N, C-alpha and C. Protein backbone atom coordinates (compact mmCIF):
# COMPACT_ATOMS: atom_id res chain seq x y z
N MET A 1 -46.02 21.54 -15.53
CA MET A 1 -45.89 21.30 -14.17
C MET A 1 -45.01 20.19 -13.82
N GLN A 2 -45.14 19.04 -14.66
CA GLN A 2 -44.35 17.82 -14.45
C GLN A 2 -42.86 18.21 -14.75
N ARG A 3 -42.58 18.96 -15.75
CA ARG A 3 -41.25 19.39 -16.08
C ARG A 3 -40.66 20.15 -14.88
N HIS A 4 -41.42 21.05 -14.38
CA HIS A 4 -40.90 21.87 -13.29
C HIS A 4 -40.61 21.01 -12.04
N LEU A 5 -41.38 19.99 -11.72
CA LEU A 5 -41.10 19.11 -10.63
C LEU A 5 -39.86 18.27 -10.92
N ALA A 6 -39.71 17.88 -12.14
CA ALA A 6 -38.51 17.11 -12.53
C ALA A 6 -37.27 17.88 -12.34
N ARG A 7 -37.28 19.17 -12.77
CA ARG A 7 -36.13 20.03 -12.61
C ARG A 7 -35.81 20.31 -11.12
N LEU A 8 -36.90 20.49 -10.34
CA LEU A 8 -36.74 20.67 -8.94
C LEU A 8 -36.14 19.44 -8.19
N LEU A 9 -36.54 18.32 -8.66
CA LEU A 9 -35.99 17.05 -8.13
C LEU A 9 -34.47 16.93 -8.47
N VAL A 10 -34.15 17.25 -9.68
CA VAL A 10 -32.75 17.13 -10.09
C VAL A 10 -31.93 18.14 -9.32
N VAL A 11 -32.35 19.35 -9.21
CA VAL A 11 -31.65 20.46 -8.43
C VAL A 11 -31.50 19.96 -7.04
N THR A 12 -32.55 19.44 -6.40
CA THR A 12 -32.53 18.97 -4.98
C THR A 12 -31.45 17.89 -4.87
N LEU A 13 -31.53 16.94 -5.74
CA LEU A 13 -30.53 15.79 -5.66
C LEU A 13 -29.13 16.31 -5.85
N LEU A 14 -28.86 17.23 -6.78
CA LEU A 14 -27.53 17.73 -6.92
C LEU A 14 -27.10 18.46 -5.66
N GLY A 15 -28.00 19.22 -5.05
CA GLY A 15 -27.67 19.91 -3.88
C GLY A 15 -27.29 18.92 -2.71
N LEU A 16 -28.01 17.87 -2.60
CA LEU A 16 -27.75 16.84 -1.58
C LEU A 16 -26.41 16.16 -1.83
N ALA A 17 -26.15 15.89 -3.07
CA ALA A 17 -24.83 15.25 -3.36
C ALA A 17 -23.66 16.20 -3.09
N THR A 18 -23.78 17.46 -3.36
CA THR A 18 -22.80 18.44 -3.01
C THR A 18 -22.59 18.59 -1.56
N ALA A 19 -23.70 18.61 -0.79
CA ALA A 19 -23.61 18.74 0.65
C ALA A 19 -22.97 17.48 1.29
N ALA A 20 -23.24 16.32 0.71
CA ALA A 20 -22.63 15.04 1.21
C ALA A 20 -21.14 15.06 0.93
N ALA A 21 -20.73 15.56 -0.22
CA ALA A 21 -19.31 15.62 -0.59
C ALA A 21 -18.53 16.55 0.37
N ARG A 22 -19.15 17.69 0.72
CA ARG A 22 -18.57 18.61 1.65
C ARG A 22 -18.41 18.04 2.98
N ALA A 23 -19.46 17.22 3.50
CA ALA A 23 -19.46 16.65 4.77
C ALA A 23 -18.32 15.65 4.96
N GLU A 24 -17.86 15.01 3.85
CA GLU A 24 -16.88 13.98 3.93
C GLU A 24 -15.51 14.59 4.25
N GLY A 25 -15.28 15.88 4.04
CA GLY A 25 -14.00 16.54 4.39
C GLY A 25 -12.86 16.19 3.37
N PRO A 26 -11.64 16.60 3.74
CA PRO A 26 -10.52 16.31 2.84
C PRO A 26 -10.21 14.87 2.70
N PRO A 27 -9.51 14.46 1.59
CA PRO A 27 -9.20 13.10 1.46
C PRO A 27 -8.32 12.56 2.52
N THR A 28 -8.45 11.28 2.85
CA THR A 28 -7.56 10.64 3.84
C THR A 28 -6.21 10.42 3.19
N PRO A 29 -5.09 10.77 3.99
CA PRO A 29 -3.83 10.64 3.44
C PRO A 29 -3.47 9.14 3.38
N PRO A 30 -2.56 8.84 2.45
CA PRO A 30 -2.09 7.48 2.34
C PRO A 30 -1.45 7.11 3.73
N PRO A 31 -1.32 5.83 4.04
CA PRO A 31 -0.71 5.44 5.33
C PRO A 31 0.74 6.01 5.46
N ARG A 32 1.09 6.29 6.69
CA ARG A 32 2.40 6.82 7.00
C ARG A 32 3.45 5.79 6.66
N ASP A 33 4.52 6.26 5.99
CA ASP A 33 5.58 5.33 5.63
C ASP A 33 6.89 6.01 5.72
N PRO A 34 7.44 6.28 6.95
CA PRO A 34 8.78 6.92 7.06
C PRO A 34 9.81 6.05 6.35
N GLY A 35 10.66 6.74 5.67
CA GLY A 35 11.66 6.06 4.87
C GLY A 35 11.28 5.87 3.40
N ALA A 36 10.02 6.11 3.19
CA ALA A 36 9.50 5.98 1.72
C ALA A 36 10.21 6.96 0.86
N LYS A 37 10.45 6.65 -0.37
CA LYS A 37 11.04 7.51 -1.35
C LYS A 37 10.20 7.67 -2.46
N VAL A 38 10.12 8.94 -2.94
CA VAL A 38 9.33 9.33 -4.10
C VAL A 38 10.27 10.02 -5.05
N THR A 39 10.23 9.58 -6.35
CA THR A 39 11.14 10.19 -7.30
C THR A 39 10.37 11.05 -8.28
N LEU A 40 10.83 12.26 -8.50
CA LEU A 40 10.31 13.22 -9.45
C LEU A 40 11.32 13.28 -10.60
N LEU A 41 10.82 13.24 -11.85
CA LEU A 41 11.69 13.30 -12.93
C LEU A 41 11.59 14.73 -13.65
N PHE A 42 12.68 15.20 -14.16
CA PHE A 42 12.68 16.51 -14.83
C PHE A 42 13.24 16.38 -16.24
N ASN A 43 12.87 17.37 -17.07
CA ASN A 43 13.52 17.39 -18.39
C ASN A 43 14.97 17.82 -18.32
N PRO A 44 15.68 17.36 -19.31
CA PRO A 44 17.13 17.78 -19.26
C PRO A 44 17.37 19.23 -18.99
N GLY A 45 18.27 19.57 -18.16
CA GLY A 45 18.59 20.96 -17.87
C GLY A 45 17.47 21.84 -17.25
N SER A 46 16.45 21.19 -16.79
CA SER A 46 15.27 21.94 -16.28
C SER A 46 15.03 21.61 -14.80
N ALA A 47 14.50 22.58 -14.09
CA ALA A 47 14.01 22.36 -12.73
C ALA A 47 12.51 22.61 -12.64
N ARG A 48 11.88 22.64 -13.79
CA ARG A 48 10.37 22.84 -13.82
C ARG A 48 9.67 21.58 -13.52
N LEU A 49 8.70 21.64 -12.53
CA LEU A 49 7.94 20.50 -12.16
C LEU A 49 6.90 20.13 -13.22
N SER A 50 6.84 18.87 -13.57
CA SER A 50 5.73 18.46 -14.57
C SER A 50 4.49 18.20 -13.74
N ASN A 51 3.38 18.01 -14.46
CA ASN A 51 2.09 17.72 -13.78
C ASN A 51 2.18 16.45 -12.99
N ILE A 52 2.93 15.41 -13.56
CA ILE A 52 3.11 14.20 -12.81
C ILE A 52 3.84 14.45 -11.50
N ALA A 53 4.92 15.25 -11.55
CA ALA A 53 5.66 15.54 -10.33
C ALA A 53 4.78 16.25 -9.31
N LYS A 54 3.96 17.18 -9.79
CA LYS A 54 3.08 17.95 -8.92
C LYS A 54 2.09 16.97 -8.25
N ALA A 55 1.51 15.98 -8.98
CA ALA A 55 0.59 14.99 -8.44
C ALA A 55 1.25 14.23 -7.36
N LYS A 56 2.51 13.80 -7.55
CA LYS A 56 3.28 13.09 -6.52
C LYS A 56 3.49 13.95 -5.29
N LEU A 57 3.81 15.20 -5.52
CA LEU A 57 4.04 16.14 -4.40
C LEU A 57 2.68 16.37 -3.63
N ASP A 58 1.59 16.43 -4.35
CA ASP A 58 0.25 16.54 -3.66
C ASP A 58 0.03 15.40 -2.64
N GLU A 59 0.45 14.19 -3.07
CA GLU A 59 0.30 13.01 -2.18
C GLU A 59 1.21 13.13 -0.92
N ILE A 60 2.39 13.57 -1.20
CA ILE A 60 3.42 13.75 -0.08
C ILE A 60 2.82 14.88 0.82
N ALA A 61 2.26 15.93 0.34
CA ALA A 61 1.75 17.00 1.12
C ALA A 61 0.66 16.50 2.06
N LEU A 62 -0.21 15.65 1.56
CA LEU A 62 -1.28 15.08 2.46
C LEU A 62 -0.71 14.36 3.59
N GLN A 63 0.33 13.58 3.33
CA GLN A 63 0.97 12.83 4.42
C GLN A 63 1.62 13.73 5.42
N ILE A 64 2.35 14.70 4.99
CA ILE A 64 3.07 15.64 5.89
C ILE A 64 2.03 16.50 6.68
N LYS A 65 0.97 16.95 6.02
CA LYS A 65 -0.05 17.85 6.73
C LYS A 65 -0.76 16.99 7.81
N HIS A 66 -1.04 15.69 7.58
CA HIS A 66 -1.77 14.97 8.56
C HIS A 66 -0.94 14.25 9.62
N ASP A 67 0.39 14.41 9.51
CA ASP A 67 1.30 13.78 10.47
C ASP A 67 2.42 14.74 10.86
N PRO A 68 2.19 15.39 11.96
CA PRO A 68 3.16 16.44 12.47
C PRO A 68 4.55 15.91 12.72
N GLY A 69 4.68 14.57 12.86
CA GLY A 69 5.95 13.96 13.16
C GLY A 69 6.74 13.55 11.86
N LEU A 70 6.23 13.96 10.78
CA LEU A 70 6.81 13.51 9.52
C LEU A 70 7.45 14.75 8.83
N ASN A 71 8.65 14.56 8.41
CA ASN A 71 9.40 15.61 7.60
C ASN A 71 9.89 14.96 6.33
N THR A 72 10.51 15.74 5.46
CA THR A 72 10.98 15.22 4.21
C THR A 72 12.35 15.84 3.84
N GLN A 73 13.14 15.04 3.22
CA GLN A 73 14.47 15.41 2.69
C GLN A 73 14.30 15.35 1.22
N VAL A 74 14.62 16.45 0.47
CA VAL A 74 14.53 16.42 -0.99
C VAL A 74 15.98 16.57 -1.47
N THR A 75 16.41 15.56 -2.27
CA THR A 75 17.78 15.55 -2.84
C THR A 75 17.64 15.68 -4.35
N GLY A 76 18.29 16.64 -4.92
CA GLY A 76 18.25 16.87 -6.38
C GLY A 76 19.57 16.25 -6.97
N TYR A 77 19.37 15.69 -8.25
CA TYR A 77 20.47 15.12 -8.95
C TYR A 77 20.38 15.67 -10.34
N THR A 78 21.52 15.34 -11.09
CA THR A 78 21.56 15.70 -12.56
C THR A 78 22.52 14.73 -13.22
N ASP A 79 22.47 14.77 -14.52
CA ASP A 79 23.39 13.87 -15.27
C ASP A 79 24.79 14.56 -15.40
N PRO A 80 25.79 13.87 -15.72
CA PRO A 80 27.18 14.47 -15.84
C PRO A 80 27.43 15.05 -17.22
N SER A 81 26.50 15.86 -17.72
CA SER A 81 26.70 16.34 -19.05
C SER A 81 27.23 17.80 -19.15
N GLY A 82 27.32 18.45 -17.97
CA GLY A 82 27.84 19.87 -18.00
C GLY A 82 29.00 20.01 -17.07
N SER A 83 29.28 21.25 -16.79
CA SER A 83 30.39 21.47 -15.81
C SER A 83 29.91 21.14 -14.45
N PRO A 84 30.83 20.83 -13.48
CA PRO A 84 30.40 20.45 -12.14
C PRO A 84 29.58 21.63 -11.44
N ASP A 85 29.93 22.84 -11.75
CA ASP A 85 29.20 23.95 -11.18
C ASP A 85 27.75 24.00 -11.70
N ASP A 86 27.63 23.84 -12.99
CA ASP A 86 26.27 23.83 -13.59
C ASP A 86 25.43 22.66 -13.08
N GLU A 87 26.06 21.45 -12.98
CA GLU A 87 25.39 20.28 -12.49
C GLU A 87 24.92 20.50 -11.01
N GLN A 88 25.76 21.14 -10.19
CA GLN A 88 25.38 21.42 -8.83
C GLN A 88 24.24 22.35 -8.76
N ARG A 89 24.29 23.42 -9.55
CA ARG A 89 23.15 24.41 -9.53
C ARG A 89 21.81 23.75 -9.91
N ILE A 90 21.81 23.07 -11.00
CA ILE A 90 20.53 22.43 -11.47
C ILE A 90 20.00 21.46 -10.42
N SER A 91 20.93 20.64 -9.81
CA SER A 91 20.44 19.72 -8.81
C SER A 91 19.79 20.47 -7.60
N GLU A 92 20.40 21.50 -7.17
CA GLU A 92 19.86 22.32 -6.13
C GLU A 92 18.55 22.98 -6.49
N ARG A 93 18.45 23.48 -7.74
CA ARG A 93 17.18 24.09 -8.19
C ARG A 93 16.09 23.04 -8.26
N ARG A 94 16.36 21.79 -8.64
CA ARG A 94 15.35 20.76 -8.63
C ARG A 94 14.87 20.50 -7.17
N ALA A 95 15.72 20.40 -6.27
CA ALA A 95 15.33 20.09 -4.85
C ALA A 95 14.47 21.29 -4.37
N GLU A 96 14.89 22.48 -4.68
CA GLU A 96 14.20 23.70 -4.23
C GLU A 96 12.79 23.86 -4.89
N ALA A 97 12.74 23.42 -6.14
CA ALA A 97 11.39 23.47 -6.85
C ALA A 97 10.42 22.63 -6.14
N ALA A 98 10.78 21.47 -5.68
CA ALA A 98 9.91 20.49 -4.98
C ALA A 98 9.49 21.16 -3.61
N LYS A 99 10.45 21.68 -2.92
CA LYS A 99 10.16 22.31 -1.64
C LYS A 99 9.29 23.50 -1.85
N ASN A 100 9.53 24.33 -2.80
CA ASN A 100 8.74 25.58 -2.99
C ASN A 100 7.34 25.18 -3.33
N TYR A 101 7.11 24.11 -4.09
CA TYR A 101 5.76 23.70 -4.39
C TYR A 101 4.99 23.27 -3.14
N LEU A 102 5.63 22.46 -2.29
CA LEU A 102 5.04 22.03 -1.04
C LEU A 102 4.68 23.21 -0.10
N VAL A 103 5.54 24.20 -0.11
CA VAL A 103 5.37 25.34 0.81
C VAL A 103 4.30 26.28 0.21
N THR A 104 4.42 26.68 -1.01
CA THR A 104 3.50 27.64 -1.57
C THR A 104 2.10 27.09 -1.90
N ARG A 105 2.03 25.83 -2.47
CA ARG A 105 0.76 25.24 -2.82
C ARG A 105 -0.01 24.63 -1.68
N HIS A 106 0.79 24.03 -0.71
CA HIS A 106 0.11 23.32 0.37
C HIS A 106 0.36 23.88 1.77
N GLY A 107 1.15 24.97 1.84
CA GLY A 107 1.33 25.57 3.18
C GLY A 107 2.14 24.75 4.15
N ILE A 108 2.96 23.88 3.65
CA ILE A 108 3.83 23.12 4.56
C ILE A 108 4.89 24.01 5.05
N ASP A 109 5.19 23.88 6.37
CA ASP A 109 6.20 24.66 7.05
C ASP A 109 7.57 24.32 6.38
N PRO A 110 8.26 25.35 5.86
CA PRO A 110 9.54 25.09 5.22
C PRO A 110 10.60 24.45 6.10
N GLY A 111 10.43 24.61 7.44
CA GLY A 111 11.34 24.00 8.34
C GLY A 111 11.21 22.47 8.35
N ARG A 112 10.17 21.94 7.81
CA ARG A 112 9.99 20.45 7.78
C ARG A 112 10.50 19.84 6.52
N ILE A 113 11.09 20.69 5.62
CA ILE A 113 11.63 20.18 4.31
C ILE A 113 13.04 20.57 4.14
N ALA A 114 13.96 19.65 4.20
CA ALA A 114 15.36 19.89 3.97
C ALA A 114 15.71 19.64 2.53
N THR A 115 16.51 20.46 1.96
CA THR A 115 16.93 20.23 0.51
C THR A 115 18.47 20.11 0.42
N GLU A 116 18.87 19.35 -0.63
CA GLU A 116 20.24 19.19 -0.97
C GLU A 116 20.39 18.88 -2.41
N GLY A 117 21.41 19.40 -3.03
CA GLY A 117 21.78 19.15 -4.42
C GLY A 117 23.04 18.34 -4.43
N LYS A 118 23.02 17.26 -5.19
CA LYS A 118 24.18 16.44 -5.27
C LYS A 118 24.86 16.52 -6.61
N GLY A 119 24.39 17.32 -7.58
CA GLY A 119 24.97 17.37 -8.86
C GLY A 119 24.94 16.03 -9.50
N ALA A 120 26.12 15.65 -10.16
CA ALA A 120 26.17 14.35 -10.77
C ALA A 120 26.92 13.37 -9.95
N ALA A 121 27.13 13.69 -8.64
CA ALA A 121 27.97 12.89 -7.69
C ALA A 121 27.53 11.44 -7.58
N ASP A 122 26.15 11.27 -7.61
CA ASP A 122 25.62 9.91 -7.47
C ASP A 122 25.00 9.50 -8.76
N SER A 123 25.62 9.81 -9.91
CA SER A 123 25.07 9.49 -11.17
C SER A 123 24.88 7.97 -11.31
N THR A 124 23.69 7.64 -11.86
CA THR A 124 23.43 6.20 -12.00
C THR A 124 23.90 5.68 -13.38
N GLY A 125 24.21 6.62 -14.33
CA GLY A 125 24.62 6.23 -15.66
C GLY A 125 23.36 6.13 -16.53
N ASP A 126 22.15 6.21 -15.95
CA ASP A 126 20.88 6.17 -16.65
C ASP A 126 20.47 7.64 -16.91
N PRO A 127 20.40 8.06 -18.15
CA PRO A 127 20.09 9.43 -18.46
C PRO A 127 18.76 9.92 -17.95
N VAL A 128 17.78 9.00 -17.82
CA VAL A 128 16.50 9.40 -17.23
C VAL A 128 16.62 9.50 -15.73
N GLN A 129 17.12 8.48 -15.08
CA GLN A 129 17.20 8.51 -13.59
C GLN A 129 18.07 9.62 -13.09
N ASP A 130 19.05 10.07 -13.82
CA ASP A 130 19.88 11.15 -13.43
C ASP A 130 19.20 12.52 -13.45
N ARG A 131 18.10 12.59 -14.07
CA ARG A 131 17.31 13.87 -14.06
C ARG A 131 16.19 13.76 -13.00
N ARG A 132 16.57 13.69 -11.78
CA ARG A 132 15.61 13.43 -10.73
C ARG A 132 15.78 14.20 -9.50
N ALA A 133 14.70 14.25 -8.68
CA ALA A 133 14.79 14.70 -7.30
C ALA A 133 14.14 13.59 -6.53
N VAL A 134 14.74 13.25 -5.41
CA VAL A 134 14.12 12.13 -4.59
C VAL A 134 13.73 12.72 -3.22
N LEU A 135 12.46 12.51 -2.83
CA LEU A 135 11.93 12.90 -1.54
C LEU A 135 11.94 11.72 -0.66
N THR A 136 12.53 11.81 0.51
CA THR A 136 12.50 10.76 1.52
C THR A 136 11.81 11.33 2.76
N LEU A 137 10.79 10.51 3.14
CA LEU A 137 10.03 10.89 4.40
C LEU A 137 10.72 10.35 5.54
N SER A 138 10.80 11.15 6.68
CA SER A 138 11.44 10.70 7.89
C SER A 138 10.64 11.23 9.10
N GLU A 139 10.81 10.57 10.24
CA GLU A 139 10.19 11.06 11.44
C GLU A 139 11.02 12.15 12.11
N SER A 140 10.29 13.08 12.72
CA SER A 140 11.02 14.16 13.43
C SER A 140 11.84 13.61 14.56
N THR A 141 12.94 14.28 14.78
CA THR A 141 13.83 13.89 15.94
C THR A 141 13.87 14.95 16.96
């Protein structure tokens, strides 16, 4: 009988904890910061999002969802290791990968996300930093 009561108490407490967690609702987004920049890094020659990049995009999505006056510009870059056409394509694919994740995973209106590929035009000379996409938050105009 005592075991049964202990199990009942545990189940009841778990149920209360679950109900409390549901009542809290979605997480509060980070404070609004127009002009903030977030950098996503990619493997060489790839436009595939890493788990770290997805986590950063999840944070950006919270901000965009909770602030209808906030948009984002995604600019893709690449290193100067290939032909200019190849560099341009990969930089565009990186920007589009970030946008597609925000749209498909978080339901962000695609009209709120502008993309641009710059190829190796703004190369930093740093082989890691040149494999990036940068998201810039901005207020709607």
